């Protein structure tokens, strides 16, 4: 397999991933909290967790689990050693947070942020391997994998790369549990997911800049990452209630999403996540997973 570095090489702006909308008690966490449960107003908050490796620690997973309703847990291909992953899924299960398999290219050195021109059959096998491995750890923790989300360059590639998008979905189908797939609205990935009879779940990003076309601003460009917690919280509230986001050029972009991603490794990630959750709860919007935790 050959490699091409960077998200920009894919023709898809953005760093890790992409776009979305509708949408807790800051530190309380859990699968559901706050808001008006009877009104139906609610949104899932997800974050990438389990990305530490051995003695190298990335982010504060314990604190983030107190803010989100879904955890995209690494599966060892871009980050996460077995012991770290087991601790992560155990902690998520204890807090009632739904677990998804965050599948990636085999790229530990590049943290899964480099495009790989991989054979579709090999990609399907690798994704299936990752889902199965994480599900085994989850079962040891008394839970299961409930959805799948690609990571980094694989996420961005699956926006437009038909073969790789289809290969990811083929792995989910082969796994046999009928798992939903979380991805960018309008992507090839979600279209292949629907065509396979699986649930396609569109998402938005709380702290990433958007282009007027509704894609993510490349991490190397100005406006790619938002760092002000209050600004991000207000932005997510607008995503949830008005289904729109202001792009980097000031234009308003319509957004549809069932989940909002909060990057757990960004500077001030926990403060930002708590601000988002508090803002939603204060406006009567429940933070809850997009799948039934009891199912």
C-alpha atoms as a PDB file:
ATOM      1  CA  UNK A   1       0.000   0.000   0.000  1.00  0.00           C
ATOM      2  CA  UNK A   2       1.191   3.524  -0.725  1.00  0.00           C
ATOM      3  CA  UNK A   3       0.784   6.645   1.422  1.00  0.00           C
ATOM      4  CA  UNK A   4      -0.006  10.286   0.848  1.00  0.00           C
ATOM      5  CA  UNK A   5       0.237  12.547   3.873  1.00  0.00           C
ATOM      6  CA  UNK A   6      -2.297  15.092   5.045  1.00  0.00           C
ATOM      7  CA  UNK A   7      -6.011  15.665   4.762  1.00  0.00           C
ATOM      8  CA  UNK A   8      -5.500  18.339   2.101  1.00  0.00           C
ATOM      9  CA  UNK A   9      -4.077  15.677  -0.238  1.00  0.00           C
ATOM     10  CA  UNK A  10      -7.497  14.068  -0.284  1.00  0.00           C
ATOM     11  CA  UNK A  11      -9.221  17.114  -1.671  1.00  0.00           C
ATOM     12  CA  UNK A  12     -11.273  17.278   1.520  1.00  0.00           C
ATOM     13  CA  UNK A  13     -10.702  20.298   3.763  1.00  0.00           C
ATOM     14  CA  UNK A  14     -10.342  19.593   7.449  1.00  0.00           C
ATOM     15  CA  UNK A  15      -8.348  17.761  10.061  1.00  0.00           C
ATOM     16  CA  UNK A  16     -10.033  14.838  11.730  1.00  0.00           C
ATOM     17  CA  UNK A  17     -13.553  14.991  10.441  1.00  0.00           C
ATOM     18  CA  UNK A  18     -16.774  16.998   9.506  1.00  0.00           C
ATOM     19  CA  UNK A  19     -20.519  18.456   9.820  1.00  0.00           C
ATOM     20  CA  UNK A  20     -23.985  18.483  11.628  1.00  0.00           C
ATOM     21  CA  UNK A  21     -26.859  19.880  14.049  1.00  0.00           C
ATOM     22  CA  UNK A  22     -29.949  19.458  16.577  1.00  0.00           C
ATOM     23  CA  UNK A  23     -28.784  19.161  20.449  1.00  0.00           C
ATOM     24  CA  UNK A  24     -26.109  18.442  30.752  1.00  0.00           C
ATOM     25  CA  UNK A  25     -25.067  19.198  33.534  1.00  0.00           C
ATOM     26  CA  UNK A  26     -21.418  19.980  32.898  1.00  0.00           C
ATOM     27  CA  UNK A  27     -19.659  17.479  35.113  1.00  0.00           C
ATOM     28  CA  UNK A  28     -22.483  15.041  35.764  1.00  0.00           C
ATOM     29  CA  UNK A  29     -22.219  13.069  32.536  1.00  0.00           C
ATOM     30  CA  UNK A  30     -23.970   9.864  31.611  1.00  0.00           C
ATOM     31  CA  UNK A  31     -26.067   8.809  28.660  1.00  0.00           C
ATOM     32  CA  UNK A  32     -28.898  11.221  29.405  1.00  0.00           C
ATOM     33  CA  UNK A  33     -29.030  14.334  31.531  1.00  0.00           C
ATOM     34  CA  UNK A  34     -30.796  17.655  31.773  1.00  0.00           C
ATOM     35  CA  UNK A  35     -33.295  19.158  29.400  1.00  0.00           C
ATOM     36  CA  UNK A  36     -36.981  18.551  28.866  1.00  0.00           C
ATOM     37  CA  UNK A  37     -37.335  14.824  28.312  1.00  0.00           C
ATOM     38  CA  UNK A  38     -41.007  15.095  27.348  1.00  0.00           C
ATOM     39  CA  UNK A  39     -40.498  17.663  24.592  1.00  0.00           C
ATOM     40  CA  UNK A  40     -38.206  15.437  22.553  1.00  0.00           C
ATOM     41  CA  UNK A  41     -35.548  18.164  22.334  1.00  0.00           C
ATOM     42  CA  UNK A  42     -32.199  16.428  22.524  1.00  0.00           C
ATOM     43  CA  UNK A  43     -28.811  15.861  20.922  1.00  0.00           C
ATOM     44  CA  UNK A  44     -25.973  13.387  21.225  1.00  0.00           C
ATOM     45  CA  UNK A  45     -22.519  14.632  22.163  1.00  0.00           C
ATOM     46  CA  UNK A  46     -19.604  12.420  21.097  1.00  0.00           C
ATOM     47  CA  UNK A  47     -15.840  12.561  21.613  1.00  0.00           C
ATOM     48  CA  UNK A  48     -12.781  10.576  20.530  1.00  0.00           C
ATOM     49  CA  UNK A  49     -11.424   8.683  23.543  1.00  0.00           C
ATOM     50  CA  UNK A  50      -8.998   5.876  24.370  1.00  0.00           C
ATOM     51  CA  UNK A  51      -6.262   7.510  22.298  1.00  0.00           C
ATOM     52  CA  UNK A  52      -3.452   7.268  24.844  1.00  0.00           C
ATOM     53  CA  UNK A  53      -0.739   4.664  24.239  1.00  0.00           C
ATOM     54  CA  UNK A  54       1.292   3.104  27.026  1.00  0.00           C
ATOM     55  CA  UNK A  55       2.934   5.884  29.058  1.00  0.00           C
ATOM     56  CA  UNK A  56       1.918   8.521  26.501  1.00  0.00           C
ATOM     57  CA  UNK A  57      -1.315  10.171  27.652  1.00  0.00           C
ATOM     58  CA  UNK A  58      -3.612  12.151  25.379  1.00  0.00           C
ATOM     59  CA  UNK A  59      -6.553  14.095  26.802  1.00  0.00           C
ATOM     60  CA  UNK A  60      -8.596  13.578  29.963  1.00  0.00           C
ATOM     61  CA  UNK A  61     -10.908  10.680  29.120  1.00  0.00           C
ATOM     62  CA  UNK A  62     -12.412  10.448  32.609  1.00  0.00           C
ATOM     63  CA  UNK A  63     -13.505  14.087  32.549  1.00  0.00           C
ATOM     64  CA  UNK A  64     -14.770  13.892  28.965  1.00  0.00           C
ATOM     65  CA  UNK A  65     -16.901  10.869  29.872  1.00  0.00           C
ATOM     66  CA  UNK A  66     -18.684  13.170  32.286  1.00  0.00           C
ATOM     67  CA  UNK A  67     -19.688  15.441  29.410  1.00  0.00           C
ATOM     68  CA  UNK A  68     -20.606  13.210  26.461  1.00  0.00           C
ATOM     69  CA  UNK A  69     -23.298  10.647  25.752  1.00  0.00           C
ATOM     70  CA  UNK A  70     -21.300   8.657  23.155  1.00  0.00           C
ATOM     71  CA  UNK A  71     -17.601   7.722  23.120  1.00  0.00           C
ATOM     72  CA  UNK A  72     -15.729   7.048  19.876  1.00  0.00           C
ATOM     73  CA  UNK A  73     -13.123   4.665  21.264  1.00  0.00           C
ATOM     74  CA  UNK A  74      -9.906   4.006  19.358  1.00  0.00           C
ATOM     75  CA  UNK A  75      -9.282   0.430  18.250  1.00  0.00           C
ATOM     76  CA  UNK A  76      -5.496   0.198  18.235  1.00  0.00           C
ATOM     77  CA  UNK A  77      -4.786   1.087  14.594  1.00  0.00           C
ATOM     78  CA  UNK A  78      -4.204   4.821  15.072  1.00  0.00           C
ATOM     79  CA  UNK A  79      -3.996   4.951  18.871  1.00  0.00           C
ATOM     80  CA  UNK A  80      -4.879   3.033  22.014  1.00  0.00           C
ATOM     81  CA  UNK A  81      -3.092   0.010  23.488  1.00  0.00           C
ATOM     82  CA  UNK A  82      -5.232  -2.898  24.774  1.00  0.00           C
ATOM     83  CA  UNK A  83      -4.962  -1.940  28.456  1.00  0.00           C
ATOM     84  CA  UNK A  84      -5.907   1.672  27.714  1.00  0.00           C
ATOM     85  CA  UNK A  85      -8.866   0.587  25.623  1.00  0.00           C
ATOM     86  CA  UNK A  86     -10.128  -1.809  28.288  1.00  0.00           C
ATOM     87  CA  UNK A  87      -9.917   0.921  30.940  1.00  0.00           C
ATOM     88  CA  UNK A  88     -11.735   3.311  28.637  1.00  0.00           C
ATOM     89  CA  UNK A  89     -14.644   1.014  27.839  1.00  0.00           C
ATOM     90  CA  UNK A  90     -14.991   0.036  31.494  1.00  0.00           C
ATOM     91  CA  UNK A  91     -15.165   3.688  32.505  1.00  0.00           C
ATOM     92  CA  UNK A  92     -17.676   4.440  29.745  1.00  0.00           C
ATOM     93  CA  UNK A  93     -19.852   1.509  30.779  1.00  0.00           C
ATOM     94  CA  UNK A  94     -19.802   2.646  34.409  1.00  0.00           C
ATOM     95  CA  UNK A  95     -20.997   6.108  33.378  1.00  0.00           C
ATOM     96  CA  UNK A  96     -23.658   4.813  30.996  1.00  0.00           C
ATOM     97  CA  UNK A  97     -21.924   6.288  27.941  1.00  0.00           C
ATOM     98  CA  UNK A  98     -22.579   4.490  24.650  1.00  0.00           C
ATOM     99  CA  UNK A  99     -19.456   3.139  22.920  1.00  0.00           C
ATOM    100  CA  UNK A 100     -18.626   3.323  19.230  1.00  0.00           C
ATOM    101  CA  UNK A 101     -15.675   1.779  17.390  1.00  0.00           C
ATOM    102  CA  UNK A 102     -13.438   4.528  16.016  1.00  0.00           C
ATOM    103  CA  UNK A 103     -11.838   2.649  13.142  1.00  0.00           C
ATOM    104  CA  UNK A 104      -8.770   3.887  11.290  1.00  0.00           C
ATOM    105  CA  UNK A 105      -6.108   3.206   8.717  1.00  0.00           C
ATOM    106  CA  UNK A 106      -3.206   1.174  10.181  1.00  0.00           C
ATOM    107  CA  UNK A 107      -1.170   4.295  11.005  1.00  0.00           C
ATOM    108  CA  UNK A 108       0.074   4.551  14.585  1.00  0.00           C
ATOM    109  CA  UNK A 109       3.004   6.777  13.641  1.00  0.00           C
ATOM    110  CA  UNK A 110       0.766   9.273  11.863  1.00  0.00           C
ATOM    111  CA  UNK A 111      -2.127   9.041  14.339  1.00  0.00           C
ATOM    112  CA  UNK A 112      -4.374   7.976  11.466  1.00  0.00           C
ATOM    113  CA  UNK A 113      -4.190  11.409   9.845  1.00  0.00           C
ATOM    114  CA  UNK A 114      -2.437  10.270   6.662  1.00  0.00           C
ATOM    115  CA  UNK A 115      -4.273   8.963   3.612  1.00  0.00           C
ATOM    116  CA  UNK A 116      -3.395   5.380   2.658  1.00  0.00           C
ATOM    117  CA  UNK A 117      -4.119   3.995  -0.796  1.00  0.00           C
ATOM    118  CA  UNK A 118      -5.191   0.650   0.591  1.00  0.00           C
ATOM    119  CA  UNK A 119      -6.793  -2.257  -1.235  1.00  0.00           C
ATOM    120  CA  UNK A 120     -10.555  -2.267  -0.454  1.00  0.00           C
ATOM    121  CA  UNK A 121     -10.470  -5.917   0.649  1.00  0.00           C
ATOM    122  CA  UNK A 122      -7.640  -5.145   3.065  1.00  0.00           C
ATOM    123  CA  UNK A 123      -9.509  -2.099   4.385  1.00  0.00           C
ATOM    124  CA  UNK A 124     -12.646  -4.162   4.976  1.00  0.00           C
ATOM    125  CA  UNK A 125     -10.638  -6.802   6.846  1.00  0.00           C
ATOM    126  CA  UNK A 126      -8.879  -4.160   8.943  1.00  0.00           C
ATOM    127  CA  UNK A 127     -12.095  -2.378   9.893  1.00  0.00           C
ATOM    128  CA  UNK A 128     -13.808  -5.668  10.722  1.00  0.00           C
ATOM    129  CA  UNK A 129     -10.802  -6.629  12.879  1.00  0.00           C
ATOM    130  CA  UNK A 130     -11.002  -3.353  14.786  1.00  0.00           C
ATOM    131  CA  UNK A 131     -14.743  -3.599  15.441  1.00  0.00           C
ATOM    132  CA  UNK A 132     -14.358  -7.171  16.654  1.00  0.00           C
ATOM    133  CA  UNK A 133     -11.407  -6.385  18.907  1.00  0.00           C
ATOM    134  CA  UNK A 134     -13.094  -3.449  20.598  1.00  0.00           C
ATOM    135  CA  UNK A 135     -16.348  -5.374  20.931  1.00  0.00           C
ATOM    136  CA  UNK A 136     -14.458  -8.142  22.731  1.00  0.00           C
ATOM    137  CA  UNK A 137     -13.104  -5.631  25.243  1.00  0.00           C
ATOM    138  CA  UNK A 138     -16.561  -4.097  25.609  1.00  0.00           C
ATOM    139  CA  UNK A 139     -18.121  -7.468  26.386  1.00  0.00           C
ATOM    140  CA  UNK A 140     -15.530  -8.004  29.100  1.00  0.00           C
ATOM    141  CA  UNK A 141     -16.758  -4.691  30.534  1.00  0.00           C
ATOM    142  CA  UNK A 142     -20.420  -5.716  30.337  1.00  0.00           C
ATOM    143  CA  UNK A 143     -21.334  -3.714  27.256  1.00  0.00           C
ATOM    144  CA  UNK A 144     -20.994  -3.832  23.445  1.00  0.00           C
ATOM    145  CA  UNK A 145     -19.960  -1.660  20.514  1.00  0.00           C
ATOM    146  CA  UNK A 146     -23.092   0.232  19.415  1.00  0.00           C
ATOM    147  CA  UNK A 147     -21.933   2.150  16.324  1.00  0.00           C
ATOM    148  CA  UNK A 148     -18.957   2.761  14.034  1.00  0.00           C
ATOM    149  CA  UNK A 149     -17.163   6.018  13.178  1.00  0.00           C
ATOM    150  CA  UNK A 150     -14.045   6.297  10.988  1.00  0.00           C
ATOM    151  CA  UNK A 151     -11.149   8.350  12.317  1.00  0.00           C
ATOM    152  CA  UNK A 152      -9.046  11.101  10.800  1.00  0.00           C
ATOM    153  CA  UNK A 153      -7.938  10.648   7.213  1.00  0.00           C
ATOM    154  CA  UNK A 154     -10.178   7.609   6.761  1.00  0.00           C
ATOM    155  CA  UNK A 155     -13.194   9.709   7.783  1.00  0.00           C
ATOM    156  CA  UNK A 156     -12.270  12.428   5.308  1.00  0.00           C
ATOM    157  CA  UNK A 157     -11.467   9.977   2.524  1.00  0.00           C
ATOM    158  CA  UNK A 158     -14.838   8.271   2.938  1.00  0.00           C
ATOM    159  CA  UNK A 159     -16.555  11.572   2.170  1.00  0.00           C
ATOM    160  CA  UNK A 160     -15.825  11.157  -1.533  1.00  0.00           C
ATOM    161  CA  UNK A 161     -13.830   7.934  -2.118  1.00  0.00           C
ATOM    162  CA  UNK A 162     -16.435   5.427  -3.290  1.00  0.00           C
ATOM    163  CA  UNK A 163     -14.311   2.287  -2.929  1.00  0.00           C
ATOM    164  CA  UNK A 164     -13.057   3.036   0.557  1.00  0.00           C
ATOM    165  CA  UNK A 165     -16.488   4.183   1.753  1.00  0.00           C
ATOM    166  CA  UNK A 166     -18.000   0.941   0.450  1.00  0.00           C
ATOM    167  CA  UNK A 167     -15.203  -1.089   2.060  1.00  0.00           C
ATOM    168  CA  UNK A 168     -15.908   0.430   5.484  1.00  0.00           C
ATOM    169  CA  UNK A 169     -19.613  -0.332   5.173  1.00  0.00           C
ATOM    170  CA  UNK A 170     -18.850  -3.880   3.979  1.00  0.00           C
ATOM    171  CA  UNK A 171     -16.984  -4.458   7.235  1.00  0.00           C
ATOM    172  CA  UNK A 172     -19.910  -3.186   9.310  1.00  0.00           C
ATOM    173  CA  UNK A 173     -22.272  -5.458   7.384  1.00  0.00           C
ATOM    174  CA  UNK A 174     -19.929  -8.436   7.803  1.00  0.00           C
ATOM    175  CA  UNK A 175     -19.775  -7.856  11.546  1.00  0.00           C
ATOM    176  CA  UNK A 176     -23.458  -8.724  11.564  1.00  0.00           C
ATOM    177  CA  UNK A 177     -24.784  -6.546  14.372  1.00  0.00           C
ATOM    178  CA  UNK A 178     -26.441  -3.966  12.114  1.00  0.00           C
ATOM    179  CA  UNK A 179     -24.443  -1.140  13.687  1.00  0.00           C
ATOM    180  CA  UNK A 180     -25.196   2.494  12.756  1.00  0.00           C
ATOM    181  CA  UNK A 181     -22.429   4.477  11.053  1.00  0.00           C
ATOM    182  CA  UNK A 182     -21.562   8.027  12.132  1.00  0.00           C
ATOM    183  CA  UNK A 183     -20.246  10.376   9.446  1.00  0.00           C
ATOM    184  CA  UNK A 184     -20.378  13.590   7.458  1.00  0.00           C
ATOM    185  CA  UNK A 185     -23.759  14.619   6.004  1.00  0.00           C
ATOM    186  CA  UNK A 186     -23.809  14.134   2.243  1.00  0.00           C
ATOM    187  CA  UNK A 187     -20.811  11.794   2.282  1.00  0.00           C
ATOM    188  CA  UNK A 188     -20.303   8.668   0.194  1.00  0.00           C
ATOM    189  CA  UNK A 189     -19.933   6.808   3.495  1.00  0.00           C
ATOM    190  CA  UNK A 190     -23.436   7.611   4.710  1.00  0.00           C
ATOM    191  CA  UNK A 191     -24.933   6.955   1.265  1.00  0.00           C
ATOM    192  CA  UNK A 192     -23.350   3.478   1.145  1.00  0.00           C
ATOM    193  CA  UNK A 193     -24.536   2.927   4.714  1.00  0.00           C
ATOM    194  CA  UNK A 194     -28.154   3.654   3.762  1.00  0.00           C
ATOM    195  CA  UNK A 195     -27.897   1.522   0.635  1.00  0.00           C
ATOM    196  CA  UNK A 196     -26.727  -1.382   2.802  1.00  0.00           C
ATOM    197  CA  UNK A 197     -29.849  -1.046   4.956  1.00  0.00           C
ATOM    198  CA  UNK A 198     -27.967   0.349   7.956  1.00  0.00           C
ATOM    199  CA  UNK A 199     -28.686   3.537   9.873  1.00  0.00           C
ATOM    200  CA  UNK A 200     -26.654   6.518   8.675  1.00  0.00           C
ATOM    201  CA  UNK A 201     -26.083   9.098  11.423  1.00  0.00           C
ATOM    202  CA  UNK A 202     -24.946  12.596  10.348  1.00  0.00           C
ATOM    203  CA  UNK A 203     -22.833  14.641  12.735  1.00  0.00           C
ATOM    204  CA  UNK A 204     -21.582  18.188  13.266  1.00  0.00           C
ATOM    205  CA  UNK A 205     -18.369  19.481  14.857  1.00  0.00           C
ATOM    206  CA  UNK A 206     -18.470  21.888  17.761  1.00  0.00           C
ATOM    207  CA  UNK A 207     -14.990  23.379  17.525  1.00  0.00           C
ATOM    208  CA  UNK A 208     -14.079  23.104  13.836  1.00  0.00           C
ATOM    209  CA  UNK A 209     -14.361  25.827  11.216  1.00  0.00           C
ATOM    210  CA  UNK A 210     -16.642  25.250   8.228  1.00  0.00           C
ATOM    211  CA  UNK A 211     -16.208  26.310   4.621  1.00  0.00           C
ATOM    212  CA  UNK A 212     -19.153  27.833   2.712  1.00  0.00           C
ATOM    213  CA  UNK A 213     -19.537  24.391   1.081  1.00  0.00           C
ATOM    214  CA  UNK A 214     -20.189  22.776   4.471  1.00  0.00           C
ATOM    215  CA  UNK A 215     -16.855  20.941   4.696  1.00  0.00           C
ATOM    216  CA  UNK A 216     -14.230  21.425   7.389  1.00  0.00           C
ATOM    217  CA  UNK A 217     -11.552  24.060   7.092  1.00  0.00           C
ATOM    218  CA  UNK A 218      -8.144  22.391   6.726  1.00  0.00           C
ATOM    219  CA  UNK A 219      -6.192  22.310   9.986  1.00  0.00           C
ATOM    220  CA  UNK A 220      -3.376  24.204   8.278  1.00  0.00           C
ATOM    221  CA  UNK A 221      -5.701  27.125   7.434  1.00  0.00           C
ATOM    222  CA  UNK A 222      -6.859  30.053   9.625  1.00  0.00           C
ATOM    223  CA  UNK A 223     -10.153  29.433  11.379  1.00  0.00           C
ATOM    224  CA  UNK A 224      -9.768  25.645  11.454  1.00  0.00           C
ATOM    225  CA  UNK A 225     -10.116  25.365  15.234  1.00  0.00           C
ATOM    226  CA  UNK A 226     -12.221  27.430  17.632  1.00  0.00           C
ATOM    227  CA  UNK A 227     -10.799  27.850  21.122  1.00  0.00           C
ATOM    228  CA  UNK A 228     -13.267  30.040  23.012  1.00  0.00           C
ATOM    229  CA  UNK A 229     -15.553  27.851  25.134  1.00  0.00           C
ATOM    230  CA  UNK A 230     -18.428  30.362  25.296  1.00  0.00           C
ATOM    231  CA  UNK A 231     -18.301  30.924  21.542  1.00  0.00           C
ATOM    232  CA  UNK A 232     -18.348  27.195  20.864  1.00  0.00           C
ATOM    233  CA  UNK A 233     -21.231  26.641  23.304  1.00  0.00           C
ATOM    234  CA  UNK A 234     -23.310  29.353  21.594  1.00  0.00           C
ATOM    235  CA  UNK A 235     -22.438  27.869  18.216  1.00  0.00           C
ATOM    236  CA  UNK A 236     -23.608  24.394  19.226  1.00  0.00           C
ATOM    237  CA  UNK A 237     -26.862  25.819  20.593  1.00  0.00           C
ATOM    238  CA  UNK A 238     -27.450  27.463  17.199  1.00  0.00           C
ATOM    239  CA  UNK A 239     -26.609  24.178  15.444  1.00  0.00           C
ATOM    240  CA  UNK A 240     -29.193  22.384  17.521  1.00  0.00           C
ATOM    241  CA  UNK A 241     -31.996  24.943  17.477  1.00  0.00           C
ATOM    242  CA  UNK A 242     -31.581  26.663  14.087  1.00  0.00           C
ATOM    243  CA  UNK A 243     -29.751  23.860  12.239  1.00  0.00           C
ATOM    244  CA  UNK A 244     -27.128  26.201  10.852  1.00  0.00           C
ATOM    245  CA  UNK A 245     -23.534  27.315  11.350  1.00  0.00           C
ATOM    246  CA  UNK A 246     -21.627  30.424  10.308  1.00  0.00           C
ATOM    247  CA  UNK A 247     -18.776  29.535   7.938  1.00  0.00           C
ATOM    248  CA  UNK A 248     -15.334  31.153   7.852  1.00  0.00           C
ATOM    249  CA  UNK A 249     -16.436  33.728   5.268  1.00  0.00           C
ATOM    250  CA  UNK A 250     -19.461  34.776   7.345  1.00  0.00           C
ATOM    251  CA  UNK A 251     -22.059  32.980   5.249  1.00  0.00           C
ATOM    252  CA  UNK A 252     -24.650  30.776   6.955  1.00  0.00           C
ATOM    253  CA  UNK A 253     -24.567  27.069   6.123  1.00  0.00           C
ATOM    254  CA  UNK A 254     -27.528  24.773   6.795  1.00  0.00           C
ATOM    255  CA  UNK A 255     -26.682  21.728   8.912  1.00  0.00           C
ATOM    256  CA  UNK A 256     -28.523  18.511   9.758  1.00  0.00           C
ATOM    257  CA  UNK A 257     -27.062  16.254  12.430  1.00  0.00           C
ATOM    258  CA  UNK A 258     -28.003  13.786  15.135  1.00  0.00           C
ATOM    259  CA  UNK A 259     -24.710  14.116  16.994  1.00  0.00           C
ATOM    260  CA  UNK A 260     -22.106  16.805  17.724  1.00  0.00           C
ATOM    261  CA  UNK A 261     -18.423  15.919  18.053  1.00  0.00           C
ATOM    262  CA  UNK A 262     -16.344  17.493  20.831  1.00  0.00           C
ATOM    263  CA  UNK A 263     -12.639  16.911  20.282  1.00  0.00           C
ATOM    264  CA  UNK A 264     -11.207  15.504  23.499  1.00  0.00           C
ATOM    265  CA  UNK A 265      -7.600  16.358  22.639  1.00  0.00           C
ATOM    266  CA  UNK A 266      -8.076  20.056  21.816  1.00  0.00           C
ATOM    267  CA  UNK A 267      -6.682  22.719  24.201  1.00  0.00           C
ATOM    268  CA  UNK A 268      -9.217  23.344  26.960  1.00  0.00           C
ATOM    269  CA  UNK A 269     -11.298  20.386  25.724  1.00  0.00           C
ATOM    270  CA  UNK A 270     -12.953  19.603  29.059  1.00  0.00           C
ATOM    271  CA  UNK A 271     -13.824  23.247  29.799  1.00  0.00           C
ATOM    272  CA  UNK A 272     -15.303  23.541  26.317  1.00  0.00           C
ATOM    273  CA  UNK A 273     -17.287  20.301  26.616  1.00  0.00           C
ATOM    274  CA  UNK A 274     -18.761  21.375  29.951  1.00  0.00           C
ATOM    275  CA  UNK A 275     -19.687  24.786  28.531  1.00  0.00           C
ATOM    276  CA  UNK A 276     -21.477  23.142  25.604  1.00  0.00           C
ATOM    277  CA  UNK A 277     -23.352  20.737  27.844  1.00  0.00           C
ATOM    278  CA  UNK A 278     -24.354  23.483  30.304  1.00  0.00           C
ATOM    279  CA  UNK A 279     -25.580  25.710  27.484  1.00  0.00           C
ATOM    280  CA  UNK A 280     -27.768  22.960  26.072  1.00  0.00           C
ATOM    281  CA  UNK A 281     -29.264  22.033  29.438  1.00  0.00           C
ATOM    282  CA  UNK A 282     -29.928  25.671  30.279  1.00  0.00           C
ATOM    283  CA  UNK A 283     -31.998  25.874  27.097  1.00  0.00           C
ATOM    284  CA  UNK A 284     -34.051  22.747  27.793  1.00  0.00           C
ATOM    285  CA  UNK A 285     -32.128  20.421  25.466  1.00  0.00           C
ATOM    286  CA  UNK A 286     -31.252  16.953  26.737  1.00  0.00           C
ATOM    287  CA  UNK A 287     -27.872  15.390  26.055  1.00  0.00           C
ATOM    288  CA  UNK A 288     -28.582  11.796  25.086  1.00  0.00           C
ATOM    289  CA  UNK A 289     -27.136   9.127  22.765  1.00  0.00           C
ATOM    290  CA  UNK A 290     -28.501   8.602  19.265  1.00  0.00           C
ATOM    291  CA  UNK A 291     -28.953   4.906  20.058  1.00  0.00           C
ATOM    292  CA  UNK A 292     -31.035   3.458  22.869  1.00  0.00           C
ATOM    293  CA  UNK A 293     -28.596   2.575  25.671  1.00  0.00           C
ATOM    294  CA  UNK A 294     -30.915  -0.177  26.869  1.00  0.00           C
ATOM    295  CA  UNK A 295     -31.365  -1.871  23.489  1.00  0.00           C
END
